[in-house]
Amino acid sequence: MDGRGIAAALALGATAVQMGTAFLTCEEAGVSDAYKVAIVRARDNDNATDARILRPPCAGDSEPLHA
């Protein structure tokens, strides 16, 4: 995700975007370097599923999603 994707979502009527994956590449994120590299190398049409549940998708959600 980059600024163009955010702008496109907002232009199409979204009121917000969820971009948590982008923060996984930060130094402070507690994920492996291999995971960070995979995220950085991913392209728009790449897709992956991770069944782990880290936390609710949004701070205001009271119940987490279940895989």
PDB file of N, CA and C in Angstrom:
ATOM      1  N   MET A   1       0.844  -1.169   0.000  1.00  0.00           N
ATOM      2  CA  MET A   1       0.000   0.000   0.000  1.00  0.00           C
ATOM      3  C   MET A   1       0.887   1.228   0.000  1.00  0.00           C
ATOM      4  N   ASP A   2       0.473   2.198  -0.781  1.00  0.00           N
ATOM      5  CA  ASP A   2       1.165   3.482  -0.777  1.00  0.00           C
ATOM      6  C   ASP A   2       0.111   4.583  -0.830  1.00  0.00           C
ATOM      7  N   GLY A   3       0.564   5.793  -0.931  1.00  0.00           N
ATOM      8  CA  GLY A   3      -0.348   6.922  -0.953  1.00  0.00           C
ATOM      9  C   GLY A   3      -1.358   6.864  -2.082  1.00  0.00           C
ATOM     10  N   ARG A   4      -0.945   6.293  -3.229  1.00  0.00           N
ATOM     11  CA  ARG A   4      -1.877   6.194  -4.369  1.00  0.00           C
ATOM     12  C   ARG A   4      -3.042   5.271  -4.038  1.00  0.00           C
ATOM     13  N   GLY A   5      -2.760   4.158  -3.357  1.00  0.00           N
ATOM     14  CA  GLY A   5      -3.821   3.231  -2.993  1.00  0.00           C
ATOM     15  C   GLY A   5      -4.782   3.834  -1.990  1.00  0.00           C
ATOM     16  N   ILE A   6      -4.236   4.569  -1.052  1.00  0.00           N
ATOM     17  CA  ILE A   6      -5.079   5.244  -0.061  1.00  0.00           C
ATOM     18  C   ILE A   6      -5.950   6.285  -0.748  1.00  0.00           C
ATOM     19  N   ALA A   7      -5.350   7.088  -1.619  1.00  0.00           N
ATOM     20  CA  ALA A   7      -6.107   8.115  -2.340  1.00  0.00           C
ATOM     21  C   ALA A   7      -7.200   7.487  -3.201  1.00  0.00           C
ATOM     22  N   ALA A   8      -6.895   6.372  -3.849  1.00  0.00           N
ATOM     23  CA  ALA A   8      -7.891   5.703  -4.691  1.00  0.00           C
ATOM     24  C   ALA A   8      -9.060   5.197  -3.855  1.00  0.00           C
ATOM     25  N   ALA A   9      -8.775   4.599  -2.711  1.00  0.00           N
ATOM     26  CA  ALA A   9      -9.843   4.107  -1.838  1.00  0.00           C
ATOM     27  C   ALA A   9     -10.734   5.255  -1.380  1.00  0.00           C
ATOM     28  N   LEU A  10     -10.128   6.357  -0.999  1.00  0.00           N
ATOM     29  CA  LEU A  10     -10.909   7.514  -0.556  1.00  0.00           C
ATOM     30  C   LEU A  10     -11.717   8.104  -1.710  1.00  0.00           C
ATOM     31  N   ALA A  11     -11.129   8.142  -2.909  1.00  0.00           N
ATOM     32  CA  ALA A  11     -11.840   8.665  -4.075  1.00  0.00           C
ATOM     33  C   ALA A  11     -13.037   7.793  -4.440  1.00  0.00           C
ATOM     34  N   LEU A  12     -12.951   6.504  -4.141  1.00  0.00           N
ATOM     35  CA  LEU A  12     -14.047   5.586  -4.436  1.00  0.00           C
ATOM     36  C   LEU A  12     -15.112   5.575  -3.343  1.00  0.00           C
ATOM     37  N   GLY A  13     -14.936   6.414  -2.331  1.00  0.00           N
ATOM     38  CA  GLY A  13     -15.964   6.560  -1.317  1.00  0.00           C
ATOM     39  C   GLY A  13     -15.633   6.004   0.055  1.00  0.00           C
ATOM     40  N   ALA A  14     -14.471   5.408   0.221  1.00  0.00           N
ATOM     41  CA  ALA A  14     -14.101   4.890   1.538  1.00  0.00           C
ATOM     42  C   ALA A  14     -13.957   6.052   2.511  1.00  0.00           C
ATOM     43  N   THR A  15     -14.296   5.821   3.749  1.00  0.00           N
ATOM     44  CA  THR A  15     -14.106   6.846   4.769  1.00  0.00           C
ATOM     45  C   THR A  15     -12.828   6.613   5.554  1.00  0.00           C
ATOM     46  N   ALA A  16     -12.221   5.436   5.359  1.00  0.00           N
ATOM     47  CA  ALA A  16     -10.968   5.095   6.037  1.00  0.00           C
ATOM     48  C   ALA A  16     -10.323   3.919   5.326  1.00  0.00           C
ATOM     49  N   VAL A  17      -9.081   3.674   5.616  1.00  0.00           N
ATOM     50  CA  VAL A  17      -8.386   2.489   5.114  1.00  0.00           C
ATOM     51  C   VAL A  17      -7.671   1.820   6.283  1.00  0.00           C
ATOM     52  N   GLN A  18      -7.574   0.507   6.228  1.00  0.00           N
ATOM     53  CA  GLN A  18      -6.838  -0.219   7.253  1.00  0.00           C
ATOM     54  C   GLN A  18      -5.500  -0.618   6.641  1.00  0.00           C
ATOM     55  N   MET A  19      -4.424  -0.143   7.228  1.00  0.00           N
ATOM     56  CA  MET A  19      -3.109  -0.366   6.640  1.00  0.00           C
ATOM     57  C   MET A  19      -2.111  -0.939   7.633  1.00  0.00           C
ATOM     58  N   GLY A  20      -2.578  -1.799   8.500  1.00  0.00           N
ATOM     59  CA  GLY A  20      -1.726  -2.382   9.520  1.00  0.00           C
ATOM     60  C   GLY A  20      -0.535  -3.143   8.971  1.00  0.00           C
ATOM     61  N   THR A  21      -0.708  -3.817   7.822  1.00  0.00           N
ATOM     62  CA  THR A  21       0.382  -4.595   7.249  1.00  0.00           C
ATOM     63  C   THR A  21       1.601  -3.726   6.973  1.00  0.00           C
ATOM     64  N   ALA A  22       1.390  -2.508   6.565  1.00  0.00           N
ATOM     65  CA  ALA A  22       2.521  -1.620   6.274  1.00  0.00           C
ATOM     66  C   ALA A  22       3.403  -1.409   7.494  1.00  0.00           C
ATOM     67  N   PHE A  23       2.814  -1.422   8.664  1.00  0.00           N
ATOM     68  CA  PHE A  23       3.577  -1.190   9.886  1.00  0.00           C
ATOM     69  C   PHE A  23       4.378  -2.413  10.338  1.00  0.00           C
ATOM     70  N   LEU A  24       4.095  -3.569   9.762  1.00  0.00           N
ATOM     71  CA  LEU A  24       4.863  -4.770  10.114  1.00  0.00           C
ATOM     72  C   LEU A  24       6.306  -4.682   9.638  1.00  0.00           C
ATOM     73  N   THR A  25       6.592  -3.791   8.715  1.00  0.00           N
ATOM     74  CA  THR A  25       7.961  -3.658   8.212  1.00  0.00           C
ATOM     75  C   THR A  25       8.800  -2.690   9.041  1.00  0.00           C
ATOM     76  N   CYS A  26       8.202  -2.047  10.017  1.00  0.00           N
ATOM     77  CA  CYS A  26       8.935  -1.126  10.883  1.00  0.00           C
ATOM     78  C   CYS A  26       9.916  -1.884  11.771  1.00  0.00           C
ATOM     79  N   GLU A  27      10.971  -1.227  12.156  1.00  0.00           N
ATOM     80  CA  GLU A  27      11.972  -1.840  13.019  1.00  0.00           C
ATOM     81  C   GLU A  27      11.368  -2.336  14.327  1.00  0.00           C
ATOM     82  N   GLU A  28      10.379  -1.613  14.842  1.00  0.00           N
ATOM     83  CA  GLU A  28       9.778  -1.956  16.132  1.00  0.00           C
ATOM     84  C   GLU A  28       8.848  -3.163  16.068  1.00  0.00           C
ATOM     85  N   ALA A  29       8.440  -3.564  14.875  1.00  0.00           N
ATOM     86  CA  ALA A  29       7.513  -4.697  14.742  1.00  0.00           C
ATOM     87  C   ALA A  29       8.201  -5.980  15.191  1.00  0.00           C
ATOM     88  N   GLY A  30       7.484  -6.809  15.878  1.00  0.00           N
ATOM     89  CA  GLY A  30       8.060  -8.036  16.407  1.00  0.00           C
ATOM     90  C   GLY A  30       7.948  -9.217  15.459  1.00  0.00           C
ATOM     91  N   VAL A  31       8.226  -9.004  14.185  1.00  0.00           N
ATOM     92  CA  VAL A  31       8.178 -10.095  13.211  1.00  0.00           C
ATOM     93  C   VAL A  31       9.573 -10.343  12.658  1.00  0.00           C
ATOM     94  N   SER A  32       9.761 -11.508  12.067  1.00  0.00           N
ATOM     95  CA  SER A  32      11.083 -11.871  11.561  1.00  0.00           C
ATOM     96  C   SER A  32      11.473 -11.023  10.353  1.00  0.00           C
ATOM     97  N   ASP A  33      12.769 -10.941  10.108  1.00  0.00           N
ATOM     98  CA  ASP A  33      13.260 -10.206   8.944  1.00  0.00           C
ATOM     99  C   ASP A  33      12.748 -10.825   7.647  1.00  0.00           C
ATOM    100  N   ALA A  34      12.635 -12.155   7.605  1.00  0.00           N
ATOM    101  CA  ALA A  34      12.131 -12.827   6.406  1.00  0.00           C
ATOM    102  C   ALA A  34      10.691 -12.402   6.113  1.00  0.00           C
ATOM    103  N   TYR A  35       9.881 -12.273   7.149  1.00  0.00           N
ATOM    104  CA  TYR A  35       8.494 -11.830   6.988  1.00  0.00           C
ATOM    105  C   TYR A  35       8.462 -10.396   6.462  1.00  0.00           C
ATOM    106  N   LYS A  36       9.318  -9.541   7.004  1.00  0.00           N
ATOM    107  CA  LYS A  36       9.389  -8.150   6.549  1.00  0.00           C
ATOM    108  C   LYS A  36       9.782  -8.081   5.081  1.00  0.00           C
ATOM    109  N   VAL A  37      10.773  -8.869   4.676  1.00  0.00           N
ATOM    110  CA  VAL A  37      11.225  -8.882   3.281  1.00  0.00           C
ATOM    111  C   VAL A  37      10.089  -9.341   2.365  1.00  0.00           C
ATOM    112  N   ALA A  38       9.353 -10.359   2.777  1.00  0.00           N
ATOM    113  CA  ALA A  38       8.236 -10.847   1.963  1.00  0.00           C
ATOM    114  C   ALA A  38       7.178  -9.758   1.775  1.00  0.00           C
ATOM    115  N   ILE A  39       6.918  -8.990   2.811  1.00  0.00           N
ATOM    116  CA  ILE A  39       5.938  -7.906   2.701  1.00  0.00           C
ATOM    117  C   ILE A  39       6.439  -6.833   1.739  1.00  0.00           C
ATOM    118  N   VAL A  40       7.696  -6.447   1.879  1.00  0.00           N
ATOM    119  CA  VAL A  40       8.251  -5.390   1.026  1.00  0.00           C
ATOM    120  C   VAL A  40       8.288  -5.824  -0.437  1.00  0.00           C
ATOM    121  N   ARG A  41       8.578  -7.088  -0.697  1.00  0.00           N
ATOM    122  CA  ARG A  41       8.667  -7.590  -2.075  1.00  0.00           C
ATOM    123  C   ARG A  41       7.318  -7.875  -2.708  1.00  0.00           C
ATOM    124  N   ALA A  42       6.272  -7.959  -1.922  1.00  0.00           N
ATOM    125  CA  ALA A  42       4.943  -8.286  -2.439  1.00  0.00           C
ATOM    126  C   ALA A  42       4.454  -7.209  -3.405  1.00  0.00           C
ATOM    127  N   ARG A  43       3.716  -7.634  -4.387  1.00  0.00           N
ATOM    128  CA  ARG A  43       3.128  -6.730  -5.380  1.00  0.00           C
ATOM    129  C   ARG A  43       1.620  -6.670  -5.171  1.00  0.00           C
ATOM    130  N   ASP A  44       0.966  -5.777  -5.885  1.00  0.00           N
ATOM    131  CA  ASP A  44      -0.472  -5.561  -5.721  1.00  0.00           C
ATOM    132  C   ASP A  44      -1.298  -6.831  -5.914  1.00  0.00           C
ATOM    133  N   ASN A  45      -0.868  -7.721  -6.803  1.00  0.00           N
ATOM    134  CA  ASN A  45      -1.662  -8.915  -7.090  1.00  0.00           C
ATOM    135  C   ASN A  45      -1.234 -10.128  -6.263  1.00  0.00           C
ATOM    136  N   ASP A  46      -0.282  -9.974  -5.355  1.00  0.00           N
ATOM    137  CA  ASP A  46       0.114 -11.055  -4.462  1.00  0.00           C
ATOM    138  C   ASP A  46      -0.912 -11.184  -3.342  1.00  0.00           C
ATOM    139  N   ASN A  47      -1.112 -12.402  -2.902  1.00  0.00           N
ATOM    140  CA  ASN A  47      -2.092 -12.643  -1.863  1.00  0.00           C
ATOM    141  C   ASN A  47      -1.566 -13.726  -0.936  1.00  0.00           C
ATOM    142  N   ALA A  48      -1.711 -13.525   0.341  1.00  0.00           N
ATOM    143  CA  ALA A  48      -1.296 -14.525   1.326  1.00  0.00           C
ATOM    144  C   ALA A  48      -2.295 -14.526   2.469  1.00  0.00           C
ATOM    145  N   THR A  49      -2.440 -15.659   3.093  1.00  0.00           N
ATOM    146  CA  THR A  49      -3.336 -15.782   4.231  1.00  0.00           C
ATOM    147  C   THR A  49      -2.534 -16.224   5.437  1.00  0.00           C
ATOM    148  N   ASP A  50      -2.757 -15.557   6.515  1.00  0.00           N
ATOM    149  CA  ASP A  50      -2.111 -15.906   7.774  1.00  0.00           C
ATOM    150  C   ASP A  50      -3.222 -16.158   8.777  1.00  0.00           C
ATOM    151  N   ALA A  51      -3.329 -17.369   9.281  1.00  0.00           N
ATOM    152  CA  ALA A  51      -4.446 -17.737  10.145  1.00  0.00           C
ATOM    153  C   ALA A  51      -4.293 -17.240  11.574  1.00  0.00           C
ATOM    154  N   ARG A  52      -3.135 -16.701  11.907  1.00  0.00           N
ATOM    155  CA  ARG A  52      -2.959 -16.206  13.270  1.00  0.00           C
ATOM    156  C   ARG A  52      -3.809 -14.962  13.493  1.00  0.00           C
ATOM    157  N   ILE A  53      -4.316 -14.829  14.684  1.00  0.00           N
ATOM    158  CA  ILE A  53      -5.094 -13.646  15.053  1.00  0.00           C
ATOM    159  C   ILE A  53      -4.246 -12.843  16.025  1.00  0.00           C
ATOM    160  N   LEU A  54      -3.846 -11.659  15.606  1.00  0.00           N
ATOM    161  CA  LEU A  54      -2.971 -10.841  16.424  1.00  0.00           C
ATOM    162  C   LEU A  54      -3.747  -9.920  17.349  1.00  0.00           C
ATOM    163  N   ARG A  55      -4.853  -9.379  16.887  1.00  0.00           N
ATOM    164  CA  ARG A  55      -5.682  -8.464  17.669  1.00  0.00           C
ATOM    165  C   ARG A  55      -6.907  -8.119  16.839  1.00  0.00           C
ATOM    166  N   PRO A  56      -7.880  -7.464  17.429  1.00  0.00           N
ATOM    167  CA  PRO A  56      -9.036  -7.026  16.635  1.00  0.00           C
ATOM    168  C   PRO A  56      -8.567  -6.120  15.494  1.00  0.00           C
ATOM    169  N   PRO A  57      -9.266  -6.128  14.368  1.00  0.00           N
ATOM    170  CA  PRO A  57      -8.816  -5.350  13.219  1.00  0.00           C
ATOM    171  C   PRO A  57      -8.809  -3.844  13.427  1.00  0.00           C
ATOM    172  N   CYS A  58      -9.649  -3.336  14.313  1.00  0.00           N
ATOM    173  CA  CYS A  58      -9.693  -1.895  14.562  1.00  0.00           C
ATOM    174  C   CYS A  58      -9.788  -1.653  16.067  1.00  0.00           C
ATOM    175  N   ALA A  59      -9.224  -0.582  16.502  1.00  0.00           N
ATOM    176  CA  ALA A  59      -9.166  -0.289  17.939  1.00  0.00           C
ATOM    177  C   ALA A  59     -10.559  -0.233  18.559  1.00  0.00           C
ATOM    178  N   GLY A  60     -11.563   0.180  17.828  1.00  0.00           N
ATOM    179  CA  GLY A  60     -12.903   0.305  18.377  1.00  0.00           C
ATOM    180  C   GLY A  60     -13.694  -0.996  18.406  1.00  0.00           C
ATOM    181  N   ASP A  61     -13.160  -2.047  17.778  1.00  0.00           N
ATOM    182  CA  ASP A  61     -13.880  -3.325  17.750  1.00  0.00           C
ATOM    183  C   ASP A  61     -13.812  -3.996  19.120  1.00  0.00           C
ATOM    184  N   SER A  62     -14.929  -4.524  19.556  1.00  0.00           N
ATOM    185  CA  SER A  62     -14.959  -5.155  20.871  1.00  0.00           C
ATOM    186  C   SER A  62     -14.658  -6.651  20.804  1.00  0.00           C
ATOM    187  N   GLU A  63     -14.859  -7.272  19.646  1.00  0.00           N
ATOM    188  CA  GLU A  63     -14.606  -8.711  19.515  1.00  0.00           C
ATOM    189  C   GLU A  63     -13.649  -8.962  18.373  1.00  0.00           C
ATOM    190  N   PRO A  64     -12.623  -9.809  18.593  1.00  0.00           N
ATOM    191  CA  PRO A  64     -11.684 -10.123  17.510  1.00  0.00           C
ATOM    192  C   PRO A  64     -12.304 -11.023  16.470  1.00  0.00           C
ATOM    193  N   LEU A  65     -11.768 -10.966  15.272  1.00  0.00           N
ATOM    194  CA  LEU A  65     -12.179 -11.891  14.213  1.00  0.00           C
ATOM    195  C   LEU A  65     -11.580 -13.261  14.515  1.00  0.00           C
ATOM    196  N   HIS A  66     -12.241 -14.302  14.104  1.00  0.00           N
ATOM    197  CA  HIS A  66     -11.734 -15.657  14.295  1.00  0.00           C
ATOM    198  C   HIS A  66     -11.507 -16.298  12.940  1.00  0.00           C
ATOM    199  N   ALA A  67     -10.347 -16.921  12.773  1.00  0.00           N
ATOM    200  CA  ALA A  67     -10.013 -17.568  11.498  1.00  0.00           C
ATOM    201  C   ALA A  67     -10.708 -18.903  11.383  1.00  0.00           C
TER     202      ALA A  67
END
